Amino acid sequence: MSLAFADVREARSAELSRAAELSLPAVLHALSDPVRLSIVSQLADGAEHTCNSLEVPVAKSTCSHHFRVLREAGVVAQRADGKCRFNRLQVQALEASFPGLLDAVLRTSRR
C-alpha cells in the first residue's frame, strides 16, 4: 500500500469520526454566508483546492476568516503541504450527520 493511499484512507476515517462531532447550528451558520456558500459550491467538485485557486470576491484576510468558520464547523478540512494549504469539502461527514443537507443547500444556491 502506498503512503499516499494510506494518508487518504486515514483522512477519510478521521472525517467519518468527526461526523459525530458536527453541530447542526454551526454547519447552518457556516453555510449561511454567501461567500462561504460560494466556497462550498466551488469545493463541491470533490477536488482539493488552495484558497488562491478559488474565486472569492473578498480580501485575503476576509477569505481566511471564511475558511476558518468553515473548518471550525466541520464543513471543510484543510491539509498542509509545505506552505500550501489544500481545502476539501467534508462530504462524507456531512452526509453521515445530516443526510441530504449538503445536496439541498447546493441545489438551492445554484438557482
PDB file of N, CA and C in Angstrom:
ATOM      1  N   MET A   1       0.861  -1.177   0.000  1.00  0.00           N
ATOM      2  CA  MET A   1       0.000   0.000   0.000  1.00  0.00           C
ATOM      3  C   MET A   1       0.900   1.232   0.000  1.00  0.00           C
ATOM      4  N   SER A   2       0.591   2.146  -0.897  1.00  0.00           N
ATOM      5  CA  SER A   2       1.420   3.344  -0.995  1.00  0.00           C
ATOM      6  C   SER A   2       1.125   4.286   0.166  1.00  0.00           C
ATOM      7  N   LEU A   3       2.082   5.149   0.442  1.00  0.00           N
ATOM      8  CA  LEU A   3       1.941   6.120   1.530  1.00  0.00           C
ATOM      9  C   LEU A   3       0.784   7.073   1.261  1.00  0.00           C
ATOM     10  N   ALA A   4       0.639   7.522   0.018  1.00  0.00           N
ATOM     11  CA  ALA A   4      -0.439   8.462  -0.332  1.00  0.00           C
ATOM     12  C   ALA A   4      -1.799   7.807  -0.106  1.00  0.00           C
ATOM     13  N   PHE A   5      -1.953   6.541  -0.495  1.00  0.00           N
ATOM     14  CA  PHE A   5      -3.219   5.838  -0.297  1.00  0.00           C
ATOM     15  C   PHE A   5      -3.519   5.688   1.186  1.00  0.00           C
ATOM     16  N   ALA A   6      -2.495   5.371   1.979  1.00  0.00           N
ATOM     17  CA  ALA A   6      -2.688   5.249   3.425  1.00  0.00           C
ATOM     18  C   ALA A   6      -3.111   6.580   4.024  1.00  0.00           C
ATOM     19  N   ASP A   7      -2.521   7.681   3.555  1.00  0.00           N
ATOM     20  CA  ASP A   7      -2.894   9.011   4.048  1.00  0.00           C
ATOM     21  C   ASP A   7      -4.341   9.337   3.715  1.00  0.00           C
ATOM     22  N   VAL A   8      -4.764   9.012   2.505  1.00  0.00           N
ATOM     23  CA  VAL A   8      -6.145   9.276   2.092  1.00  0.00           C
ATOM     24  C   VAL A   8      -7.107   8.431   2.921  1.00  0.00           C
ATOM     25  N   ARG A   9      -6.772   7.173   3.113  1.00  0.00           N
ATOM     26  CA  ARG A   9      -7.643   6.291   3.901  1.00  0.00           C
ATOM     27  C   ARG A   9      -7.733   6.768   5.346  1.00  0.00           C
ATOM     28  N   GLU A  10      -6.615   7.197   5.916  1.00  0.00           N
ATOM     29  CA  GLU A  10      -6.609   7.719   7.281  1.00  0.00           C
ATOM     30  C   GLU A  10      -7.434   9.003   7.376  1.00  0.00           C
ATOM     31  N   ALA A  11      -7.305   9.875   6.379  1.00  0.00           N
ATOM     32  CA  ALA A  11      -8.073  11.130   6.372  1.00  0.00           C
ATOM     33  C   ALA A  11      -9.558  10.845   6.280  1.00  0.00           C
ATOM     34  N   ARG A  12      -9.964   9.886   5.464  1.00  0.00           N
ATOM     35  CA  ARG A  12     -11.386   9.535   5.332  1.00  0.00           C
ATOM     36  C   ARG A  12     -11.916   8.960   6.645  1.00  0.00           C
ATOM     37  N   SER A  13     -11.109   8.148   7.298  1.00  0.00           N
ATOM     38  CA  SER A  13     -11.513   7.574   8.586  1.00  0.00           C
ATOM     39  C   SER A  13     -11.689   8.665   9.632  1.00  0.00           C
ATOM     40  N   ALA A  14     -10.754   9.609   9.661  1.00  0.00           N
ATOM     41  CA  ALA A  14     -10.856  10.724  10.602  1.00  0.00           C
ATOM     42  C   ALA A  14     -12.070  11.576  10.293  1.00  0.00           C
ATOM     43  N   GLU A  15     -12.379  11.734   8.992  1.00  0.00           N
ATOM     44  CA  GLU A  15     -13.542  12.521   8.591  1.00  0.00           C
ATOM     45  C   GLU A  15     -14.826  11.878   9.108  1.00  0.00           C
ATOM     46  N   LEU A  16     -14.927  10.576   9.011  1.00  0.00           N
ATOM     47  CA  LEU A  16     -16.127   9.890   9.493  1.00  0.00           C
ATOM     48  C   LEU A  16     -16.246   9.959  11.008  1.00  0.00           C
ATOM     49  N   SER A  17     -15.126   9.913  11.716  1.00  0.00           N
ATOM     50  CA  SER A  17     -15.196  10.008  13.174  1.00  0.00           C
ATOM     51  C   SER A  17     -15.591  11.414  13.618  1.00  0.00           C
ATOM     52  N   ARG A  18     -15.226  12.422  12.818  1.00  0.00           N
ATOM     53  CA  ARG A  18     -15.617  13.796  13.126  1.00  0.00           C
ATOM     54  C   ARG A  18     -17.098  14.032  12.856  1.00  0.00           C
ATOM     55  N   ALA A  19     -17.714  13.161  12.075  1.00  0.00           N
ATOM     56  CA  ALA A  19     -19.133  13.339  11.740  1.00  0.00           C
ATOM     57  C   ALA A  19     -19.985  13.366  12.997  1.00  0.00           C
ATOM     58  N   ALA A  20     -19.595  12.609  13.993  1.00  0.00           N
ATOM     59  CA  ALA A  20     -20.347  12.575  15.246  1.00  0.00           C
ATOM     60  C   ALA A  20     -20.226  13.889  16.009  1.00  0.00           C
ATOM     61  N   GLU A  21     -19.197  14.674  15.699  1.00  0.00           N
ATOM     62  CA  GLU A  21     -18.948  15.925  16.406  1.00  0.00           C
ATOM     63  C   GLU A  21     -19.588  17.138  15.737  1.00  0.00           C
ATOM     64  N   LEU A  22     -20.167  16.966  14.553  1.00  0.00           N
ATOM     65  CA  LEU A  22     -20.745  18.095  13.837  1.00  0.00           C
ATOM     66  C   LEU A  22     -21.993  18.601  14.544  1.00  0.00           C
ATOM     67  N   SER A  23     -22.127  19.906  14.550  1.00  0.00           N
ATOM     68  CA  SER A  23     -23.273  20.561  15.172  1.00  0.00           C
ATOM     69  C   SER A  23     -24.112  21.206  14.065  1.00  0.00           C
ATOM     70  N   LEU A  24     -25.406  20.897  14.036  1.00  0.00           N
ATOM     71  CA  LEU A  24     -26.268  21.462  13.004  1.00  0.00           C
ATOM     72  C   LEU A  24     -26.269  22.993  13.031  1.00  0.00           C
ATOM     73  N   PRO A  25     -26.409  23.641  14.192  1.00  0.00           N
ATOM     74  CA  PRO A  25     -26.359  25.111  14.183  1.00  0.00           C
ATOM     75  C   PRO A  25     -25.044  25.662  13.625  1.00  0.00           C
ATOM     76  N   ALA A  26     -23.919  25.031  13.949  1.00  0.00           N
ATOM     77  CA  ALA A  26     -22.619  25.503  13.443  1.00  0.00           C
ATOM     78  C   ALA A  26     -22.524  25.326  11.928  1.00  0.00           C
ATOM     79  N   VAL A  27     -22.997  24.192  11.430  1.00  0.00           N
ATOM     80  CA  VAL A  27     -22.962  23.931   9.988  1.00  0.00           C
ATOM     81  C   VAL A  27     -23.872  24.910   9.253  1.00  0.00           C
ATOM     82  N   LEU A  28     -25.083  25.112   9.770  1.00  0.00           N
ATOM     83  CA  LEU A  28     -26.012  26.040   9.127  1.00  0.00           C
ATOM     84  C   LEU A  28     -25.471  27.472   9.148  1.00  0.00           C
ATOM     85  N   HIS A  29     -24.835  27.852  10.257  1.00  0.00           N
ATOM     86  CA  HIS A  29     -24.219  29.186  10.332  1.00  0.00           C
ATOM     87  C   HIS A  29     -23.121  29.313   9.274  1.00  0.00           C
ATOM     88  N   ALA A  30     -22.282  28.285   9.156  1.00  0.00           N
ATOM     89  CA  ALA A  30     -21.188  28.327   8.183  1.00  0.00           C
ATOM     90  C   ALA A  30     -21.723  28.440   6.760  1.00  0.00           C
ATOM     91  N   LEU A  31     -22.843  27.796   6.486  1.00  0.00           N
ATOM     92  CA  LEU A  31     -23.404  27.808   5.138  1.00  0.00           C
ATOM     93  C   LEU A  31     -24.307  29.007   4.873  1.00  0.00           C
ATOM     94  N   SER A  32     -24.544  29.828   5.891  1.00  0.00           N
ATOM     95  CA  SER A  32     -25.493  30.930   5.746  1.00  0.00           C
ATOM     96  C   SER A  32     -24.906  32.171   5.066  1.00  0.00           C
ATOM     97  N   ASP A  33     -23.609  32.266   4.989  1.00  0.00           N
ATOM     98  CA  ASP A  33     -22.972  33.433   4.381  1.00  0.00           C
ATOM     99  C   ASP A  33     -22.779  33.192   2.883  1.00  0.00           C
ATOM    100  N   PRO A  34     -23.113  34.166   2.043  1.00  0.00           N
ATOM    101  CA  PRO A  34     -22.975  33.984   0.592  1.00  0.00           C
ATOM    102  C   PRO A  34     -21.547  33.672   0.133  1.00  0.00           C
ATOM    103  N   VAL A  35     -20.551  34.265   0.774  1.00  0.00           N
ATOM    104  CA  VAL A  35     -19.160  33.997   0.388  1.00  0.00           C
ATOM    105  C   VAL A  35     -18.790  32.566   0.739  1.00  0.00           C
ATOM    106  N   ARG A  36     -19.150  32.129   1.938  1.00  0.00           N
ATOM    107  CA  ARG A  36     -18.842  30.747   2.345  1.00  0.00           C
ATOM    108  C   ARG A  36     -19.612  29.745   1.492  1.00  0.00           C
ATOM    109  N   LEU A  37     -20.835  30.079   1.148  1.00  0.00           N
ATOM    110  CA  LEU A  37     -21.628  29.202   0.288  1.00  0.00           C
ATOM    111  C   LEU A  37     -20.981  29.090  -1.096  1.00  0.00           C
ATOM    112  N   SER A  38     -20.431  30.175  -1.581  1.00  0.00           N
ATOM    113  CA  SER A  38     -19.703  30.150  -2.849  1.00  0.00           C
ATOM    114  C   SER A  38     -18.465  29.255  -2.756  1.00  0.00           C
ATOM    115  N   ILE A  39     -17.751  29.348  -1.649  1.00  0.00           N
ATOM    116  CA  ILE A  39     -16.576  28.496  -1.433  1.00  0.00           C
ATOM    117  C   ILE A  39     -16.988  27.029  -1.439  1.00  0.00           C
ATOM    118  N   VAL A  40     -18.045  26.710  -0.706  1.00  0.00           N
ATOM    119  CA  VAL A  40     -18.521  25.323  -0.627  1.00  0.00           C
ATOM    120  C   VAL A  40     -18.957  24.834  -2.003  1.00  0.00           C
ATOM    121  N   SER A  41     -19.636  25.674  -2.766  1.00  0.00           N
ATOM    122  CA  SER A  41     -20.062  25.299  -4.116  1.00  0.00           C
ATOM    123  C   SER A  41     -18.868  24.970  -5.000  1.00  0.00           C
ATOM    124  N   GLN A  42     -17.805  25.755  -4.879  1.00  0.00           N
ATOM    125  CA  GLN A  42     -16.604  25.508  -5.679  1.00  0.00           C
ATOM    126  C   GLN A  42     -15.868  24.253  -5.220  1.00  0.00           C
ATOM    127  N   LEU A  43     -15.918  23.958  -3.918  1.00  0.00           N
ATOM    128  CA  LEU A  43     -15.264  22.757  -3.394  1.00  0.00           C
ATOM    129  C   LEU A  43     -16.076  21.495  -3.665  1.00  0.00           C
ATOM    130  N   ALA A  44     -17.315  21.652  -4.091  1.00  0.00           N
ATOM    131  CA  ALA A  44     -18.201  20.504  -4.309  1.00  0.00           C
ATOM    132  C   ALA A  44     -17.769  19.639  -5.488  1.00  0.00           C
ATOM    133  N   ASP A  45     -16.765  20.069  -6.245  1.00  0.00           N
ATOM    134  CA  ASP A  45     -16.291  19.243  -7.355  1.00  0.00           C
ATOM    135  C   ASP A  45     -15.510  18.028  -6.868  1.00  0.00           C
ATOM    136  N   GLY A  46     -15.225  17.974  -5.565  1.00  0.00           N
ATOM    137  CA  GLY A  46     -14.557  16.812  -4.984  1.00  0.00           C
ATOM    138  C   GLY A  46     -13.046  16.910  -4.927  1.00  0.00           C
ATOM    139  N   ALA A  47     -12.484  17.898  -5.575  1.00  0.00           N
ATOM    140  CA  ALA A  47     -11.024  18.053  -5.582  1.00  0.00           C
ATOM    141  C   ALA A  47     -10.574  18.929  -4.418  1.00  0.00           C
ATOM    142  N   GLU A  48      -9.277  18.849  -4.122  1.00  0.00           N
ATOM    143  CA  GLU A  48      -8.691  19.748  -3.136  1.00  0.00           C
ATOM    144  C   GLU A  48      -8.310  21.041  -3.842  1.00  0.00           C
ATOM    145  N   HIS A  49      -8.534  22.148  -3.158  1.00  0.00           N
ATOM    146  CA  HIS A  49      -8.219  23.459  -3.726  1.00  0.00           C
ATOM    147  C   HIS A  49      -7.456  24.294  -2.713  1.00  0.00           C
ATOM    148  N   THR A  50      -6.546  25.115  -3.206  1.00  0.00           N
ATOM    149  CA  THR A  50      -5.923  26.116  -2.350  1.00  0.00           C
ATOM    150  C   THR A  50      -6.858  27.326  -2.317  1.00  0.00           C
ATOM    151  N   CYS A  51      -6.678  28.165  -1.337  1.00  0.00           N
ATOM    152  CA  CYS A  51      -7.505  29.377  -1.235  1.00  0.00           C
ATOM    153  C   CYS A  51      -7.380  30.229  -2.493  1.00  0.00           C
ATOM    154  N   ASN A  52      -6.167  30.309  -3.029  1.00  0.00           N
ATOM    155  CA  ASN A  52      -5.924  31.151  -4.206  1.00  0.00           C
ATOM    156  C   ASN A  52      -6.554  30.601  -5.476  1.00  0.00           C
ATOM    157  N   SER A  53      -6.876  29.300  -5.499  1.00  0.00           N
ATOM    158  CA  SER A  53      -7.433  28.714  -6.717  1.00  0.00           C
ATOM    159  C   SER A  53      -8.947  28.905  -6.814  1.00  0.00           C
ATOM    160  N   LEU A  54      -9.553  29.424  -5.764  1.00  0.00           N
ATOM    161  CA  LEU A  54     -10.995  29.644  -5.759  1.00  0.00           C
ATOM    162  C   LEU A  54     -11.295  31.105  -6.055  1.00  0.00           C
ATOM    163  N   GLU A  55     -12.426  31.333  -6.685  1.00  0.00           N
ATOM    164  CA  GLU A  55     -12.869  32.696  -6.959  1.00  0.00           C
ATOM    165  C   GLU A  55     -13.657  33.194  -5.758  1.00  0.00           C
ATOM    166  N   VAL A  56     -13.023  34.057  -4.974  1.00  0.00           N
ATOM    167  CA  VAL A  56     -13.656  34.595  -3.770  1.00  0.00           C
ATOM    168  C   VAL A  56     -13.532  36.123  -3.842  1.00  0.00           C
ATOM    169  N   PRO A  57     -14.684  36.826  -3.826  1.00  0.00           N
ATOM    170  CA  PRO A  57     -14.663  38.283  -4.037  1.00  0.00           C
ATOM    171  C   PRO A  57     -14.375  39.106  -2.780  1.00  0.00           C
ATOM    172  N   VAL A  58     -13.417  38.642  -1.976  1.00  0.00           N
ATOM    173  CA  VAL A  58     -13.088  39.354  -0.736  1.00  0.00           C
ATOM    174  C   VAL A  58     -11.574  39.400  -0.573  1.00  0.00           C
ATOM    175  N   ALA A  59     -11.117  40.236   0.351  1.00  0.00           N
ATOM    176  CA  ALA A  59      -9.682  40.350   0.640  1.00  0.00           C
ATOM    177  C   ALA A  59      -9.157  39.044   1.235  1.00  0.00           C
ATOM    178  N   LYS A  60      -7.852  38.864   1.158  1.00  0.00           N
ATOM    179  CA  LYS A  60      -7.211  37.637   1.649  1.00  0.00           C
ATOM    180  C   LYS A  60      -7.512  37.392   3.128  1.00  0.00           C
ATOM    181  N   SER A  61      -7.464  38.434   3.949  1.00  0.00           N
ATOM    182  CA  SER A  61      -7.732  38.263   5.380  1.00  0.00           C
ATOM    183  C   SER A  61      -9.188  37.850   5.628  1.00  0.00           C
ATOM    184  N   THR A  62     -10.101  38.394   4.847  1.00  0.00           N
ATOM    185  CA  THR A  62     -11.508  38.016   4.975  1.00  0.00           C
ATOM    186  C   THR A  62     -11.720  36.587   4.490  1.00  0.00           C
ATOM    187  N   CYS A  63     -11.018  36.210   3.442  1.00  0.00           N
ATOM    188  CA  CYS A  63     -11.084  34.844   2.934  1.00  0.00           C
ATOM    189  C   CYS A  63     -10.612  33.858   4.011  1.00  0.00           C
ATOM    190  N   SER A  64      -9.538  34.200   4.693  1.00  0.00           N
ATOM    191  CA  SER A  64      -9.029  33.351   5.784  1.00  0.00           C
ATOM    192  C   SER A  64     -10.078  33.181   6.873  1.00  0.00           C
ATOM    193  N   HIS A  65     -10.781  34.254   7.186  1.00  0.00           N
ATOM    194  CA  HIS A  65     -11.853  34.189   8.185  1.00  0.00           C
ATOM    195  C   HIS A  65     -12.937  33.208   7.737  1.00  0.00           C
ATOM    196  N   HIS A  66     -13.354  33.303   6.494  1.00  0.00           N
ATOM    197  CA  HIS A  66     -14.417  32.426   5.991  1.00  0.00           C
ATOM    198  C   HIS A  66     -13.978  30.958   6.015  1.00  0.00           C
ATOM    199  N   PHE A  67     -12.734  30.693   5.635  1.00  0.00           N
ATOM    200  CA  PHE A  67     -12.239  29.311   5.690  1.00  0.00           C
ATOM    201  C   PHE A  67     -12.169  28.813   7.134  1.00  0.00           C
ATOM    202  N   ARG A  68     -11.808  29.677   8.063  1.00  0.00           N
ATOM    203  CA  ARG A  68     -11.765  29.281   9.476  1.00  0.00           C
ATOM    204  C   ARG A  68     -13.157  28.887   9.961  1.00  0.00           C
ATOM    205  N   VAL A  69     -14.162  29.685   9.627  1.00  0.00           N
ATOM    206  CA  VAL A  69     -15.536  29.372  10.031  1.00  0.00           C
ATOM    207  C   VAL A  69     -15.959  28.019   9.448  1.00  0.00           C
ATOM    208  N   LEU A  70     -15.648  27.779   8.185  1.00  0.00           N
ATOM    209  CA  LEU A  70     -15.996  26.507   7.552  1.00  0.00           C
ATOM    210  C   LEU A  70     -15.257  25.331   8.192  1.00  0.00           C
ATOM    211  N   ARG A  71     -13.976  25.532   8.516  1.00  0.00           N
ATOM    212  CA  ARG A  71     -13.201  24.465   9.176  1.00  0.00           C
ATOM    213  C   ARG A  71     -13.734  24.167  10.566  1.00  0.00           C
ATOM    214  N   GLU A  72     -13.978  25.207  11.352  1.00  0.00           N
ATOM    215  CA  GLU A  72     -14.438  25.012  12.729  1.00  0.00           C
ATOM    216  C   GLU A  72     -15.817  24.357  12.783  1.00  0.00           C
ATOM    217  N   ALA A  73     -16.631  24.588  11.762  1.00  0.00           N
ATOM    218  CA  ALA A  73     -17.955  23.960  11.711  1.00  0.00           C
ATOM    219  C   ALA A  73     -17.869  22.515  11.214  1.00  0.00           C
ATOM    220  N   GLY A  74     -16.716  22.136  10.654  1.00  0.00           N
ATOM    221  CA  GLY A  74     -16.552  20.776  10.144  1.00  0.00           C
ATOM    222  C   GLY A  74     -16.999  20.615   8.705  1.00  0.00           C
ATOM    223  N   VAL A  75     -17.254  21.719   8.023  1.00  0.00           N
ATOM    224  CA  VAL A  75     -17.709  21.668   6.634  1.00  0.00           C
ATOM    225  C   VAL A  75     -16.534  21.417   5.693  1.00  0.00           C
ATOM    226  N   VAL A  76     -15.372  21.952   6.046  1.00  0.00           N
ATOM    227  CA  VAL A  76     -14.175  21.863   5.210  1.00  0.00           C
ATOM    228  C   VAL A  76     -13.029  21.314   6.050  1.00  0.00           C
ATOM    229  N   ALA A  77     -12.188  20.502   5.419  1.00  0.00           N
ATOM    230  CA  ALA A  77     -10.951  20.027   6.049  1.00  0.00           C
ATOM    231  C   ALA A  77      -9.784  20.666   5.306  1.00  0.00           C
ATOM    232  N   GLN A  78      -8.698  20.880   6.017  1.00  0.00           N
ATOM    233  CA  GLN A  78      -7.527  21.507   5.412  1.00  0.00           C
ATOM    234  C   GLN A  78      -6.314  20.615   5.628  1.00  0.00           C
ATOM    235  N   ARG A  79      -5.509  20.474   4.569  1.00  0.00           N
ATOM    236  CA  ARG A  79      -4.286  19.682   4.610  1.00  0.00           C
ATOM    237  C   ARG A  79      -3.129  20.583   4.216  1.00  0.00           C
ATOM    238  N   ALA A  80      -2.073  20.544   5.025  1.00  0.00           N
ATOM    239  CA  ALA A  80      -0.885  21.347   4.733  1.00  0.00           C
ATOM    240  C   ALA A  80       0.110  20.518   3.931  1.00  0.00           C
ATOM    241  N   ASP A  81       0.692  21.159   2.936  1.00  0.00           N
ATOM    242  CA  ASP A  81       1.756  20.551   2.146  1.00  0.00           C
ATOM    243  C   ASP A  81       2.786  21.645   1.908  1.00  0.00           C
ATOM    244  N   GLY A  82       3.806  21.684   2.756  1.00  0.00           N
ATOM    245  CA  GLY A  82       4.766  22.777   2.714  1.00  0.00           C
ATOM    246  C   GLY A  82       4.076  24.062   3.143  1.00  0.00           C
ATOM    247  N   LYS A  83       4.151  25.084   2.301  1.00  0.00           N
ATOM    248  CA  LYS A  83       3.494  26.347   2.619  1.00  0.00           C
ATOM    249  C   LYS A  83       2.058  26.402   2.097  1.00  0.00           C
ATOM    250  N   CYS A  84       1.675  25.426   1.298  1.00  0.00           N
ATOM    251  CA  CYS A  84       0.327  25.410   0.712  1.00  0.00           C
ATOM    252  C   CYS A  84      -0.664  24.736   1.657  1.00  0.00           C
ATOM    253  N   ARG A  85      -1.875  25.243   1.631  1.00  0.00           N
ATOM    254  CA  ARG A  85      -2.971  24.654   2.396  1.00  0.00           C
ATOM    255  C   ARG A  85      -4.044  24.229   1.401  1.00  0.00           C
ATOM    256  N   PHE A  86      -4.348  22.934   1.411  1.00  0.00           N
ATOM    257  CA  PHE A  86      -5.346  22.395   0.498  1.00  0.00           C
ATOM    258  C   PHE A  86      -6.642  22.147   1.262  1.00  0.00           C
ATOM    259  N   ASN A  87      -7.737  22.613   0.695  1.00  0.00           N
ATOM    260  CA  ASN A  87      -9.046  22.503   1.334  1.00  0.00           C
ATOM    261  C   ASN A  87      -9.917  21.549   0.541  1.00  0.00           C
ATOM    262  N   ARG A  88     -10.735  20.792   1.282  1.00  0.00           N
ATOM    263  CA  ARG A  88     -11.706  19.924   0.630  1.00  0.00           C
ATOM    264  C   ARG A  88     -12.972  19.876   1.466  1.00  0.00           C
ATOM    265  N   LEU A  89     -14.055  19.640   0.785  1.00  0.00           N
ATOM    266  CA  LEU A  89     -15.349  19.563   1.420  1.00  0.00           C
ATOM    267  C   LEU A  89     -15.473  18.245   2.167  1.00  0.00           C
ATOM    268  N   GLN A  90     -16.024  18.265   3.368  1.00  0.00           N
ATOM    269  CA  GLN A  90     -16.197  17.069   4.200  1.00  0.00           C
ATOM    270  C   GLN A  90     -17.534  16.397   3.855  1.00  0.00           C
ATOM    271  N   VAL A  91     -17.657  15.911   2.650  1.00  0.00           N
ATOM    272  CA  VAL A  91     -18.924  15.371   2.163  1.00  0.00           C
ATOM    273  C   VAL A  91     -19.388  14.181   2.998  1.00  0.00           C
ATOM    274  N   GLN A  92     -18.504  13.230   3.251  1.00  0.00           N
ATOM    275  CA  GLN A  92     -18.901  12.023   3.987  1.00  0.00           C
ATOM    276  C   GLN A  92     -19.362  12.354   5.399  1.00  0.00           C
ATOM    277  N   ALA A  93     -18.648  13.213   6.081  1.00  0.00           N
ATOM    278  CA  ALA A  93     -19.019  13.575   7.451  1.00  0.00           C
ATOM    279  C   ALA A  93     -20.355  14.311   7.476  1.00  0.00           C
ATOM    280  N   LEU A  94     -20.554  15.213   6.530  1.00  0.00           N
ATOM    281  CA  LEU A  94     -21.819  15.955   6.479  1.00  0.00           C
ATOM    282  C   LEU A  94     -22.986  15.032   6.141  1.00  0.00           C
ATOM    283  N   GLU A  95     -22.781  14.129   5.195  1.00  0.00           N
ATOM    284  CA  GLU A  95     -23.853  13.188   4.837  1.00  0.00           C
ATOM    285  C   GLU A  95     -24.164  12.224   5.977  1.00  0.00           C
ATOM    286  N   ALA A  96     -23.143  11.810   6.704  1.00  0.00           N
ATOM    287  CA  ALA A  96     -23.362  10.886   7.824  1.00  0.00           C
ATOM    288  C   ALA A  96     -24.169  11.551   8.934  1.00  0.00           C
ATOM    289  N   SER A  97     -23.920  12.833   9.172  1.00  0.00           N
ATOM    290  CA  SER A  97     -24.609  13.539  10.249  1.00  0.00           C
ATOM    291  C   SER A  97     -25.941  14.130   9.820  1.00  0.00           C
ATOM    292  N   PHE A  98     -25.970  14.675   8.604  1.00  0.00           N
ATOM    293  CA  PHE A  98     -27.165  15.388   8.130  1.00  0.00           C
ATOM    294  C   PHE A  98     -27.452  14.974   6.687  1.00  0.00           C
ATOM    295  N   PRO A  99     -28.030  13.780   6.494  1.00  0.00           N
ATOM    296  CA  PRO A  99     -28.257  13.274   5.136  1.00  0.00           C
ATOM    297  C   PRO A  99     -29.082  14.243   4.284  1.00  0.00           C
ATOM    298  N   GLY A 100     -28.574  14.522   3.103  1.00  0.00           N
ATOM    299  CA  GLY A 100     -29.282  15.360   2.154  1.00  0.00           C
ATOM    300  C   GLY A 100     -29.106  16.860   2.333  1.00  0.00           C
ATOM    301  N   LEU A 101     -28.560  17.295   3.462  1.00  0.00           N
ATOM    302  CA  LEU A 101     -28.428  18.727   3.722  1.00  0.00           C
ATOM    303  C   LEU A 101     -27.532  19.408   2.692  1.00  0.00           C
ATOM    304  N   LEU A 102     -26.358  18.861   2.467  1.00  0.00           N
ATOM    305  CA  LEU A 102     -25.409  19.491   1.547  1.00  0.00           C
ATOM    306  C   LEU A 102     -25.987  19.563   0.135  1.00  0.00           C
ATOM    307  N   ASP A 103     -26.587  18.474  -0.332  1.00  0.00           N
ATOM    308  CA  ASP A 103     -27.195  18.490  -1.668  1.00  0.00           C
ATOM    309  C   ASP A 103     -28.292  19.535  -1.758  1.00  0.00           C
ATOM    310  N   ALA A 104     -29.120  19.631  -0.743  1.00  0.00           N
ATOM    311  CA  ALA A 104     -30.219  20.609  -0.750  1.00  0.00           C
ATOM    312  C   ALA A 104     -29.680  22.036  -0.777  1.00  0.00           C
ATOM    313  N   VAL A 105     -28.681  22.309   0.032  1.00  0.00           N
ATOM    314  CA  VAL A 105     -28.105  23.651   0.090  1.00  0.00           C
ATOM    315  C   VAL A 105     -27.445  24.011  -1.244  1.00  0.00           C
ATOM    316  N   LEU A 106     -26.688  23.085  -1.795  1.00  0.00           N
ATOM    317  CA  LEU A 106     -26.005  23.349  -3.068  1.00  0.00           C
ATOM    318  C   LEU A 106     -27.005  23.504  -4.203  1.00  0.00           C
ATOM    319  N   ARG A 107     -28.027  22.678  -4.226  1.00  0.00           N
ATOM    320  CA  ARG A 107     -29.060  22.764  -5.265  1.00  0.00           C
ATOM    321  C   ARG A 107     -29.777  24.107  -5.184  1.00  0.00           C
ATOM    322  N   THR A 108     -30.094  24.554  -3.982  1.00  0.00           N
ATOM    323  CA  THR A 108     -30.778  25.831  -3.788  1.00  0.00           C
ATOM    324  C   THR A 108     -29.886  27.006  -4.154  1.00  0.00           C
ATOM    325  N   SER A 109     -28.604  26.903  -3.858  1.00  0.00           N
ATOM    326  CA  SER A 109     -27.694  28.028  -4.129  1.00  0.00           C
ATOM    327  C   SER A 109     -27.449  28.227  -5.612  1.00  0.00           C
ATOM    328  N   ARG A 110     -27.683  27.206  -6.425  1.00  0.00           N
ATOM    329  CA  ARG A 110     -27.449  27.309  -7.870  1.00  0.00           C
ATOM    330  C   ARG A 110     -28.604  27.958  -8.607  1.00  0.00           C
ATOM    331  N   ARG A 111     -29.704  28.185  -7.938  1.00  0.00           N
ATOM    332  CA  ARG A 111     -30.898  28.783  -8.583  1.00  0.00           C
ATOM    333  C   ARG A 111     -30.723  30.247  -8.824  1.00  0.00           C
TER     334      ARG A 111
END
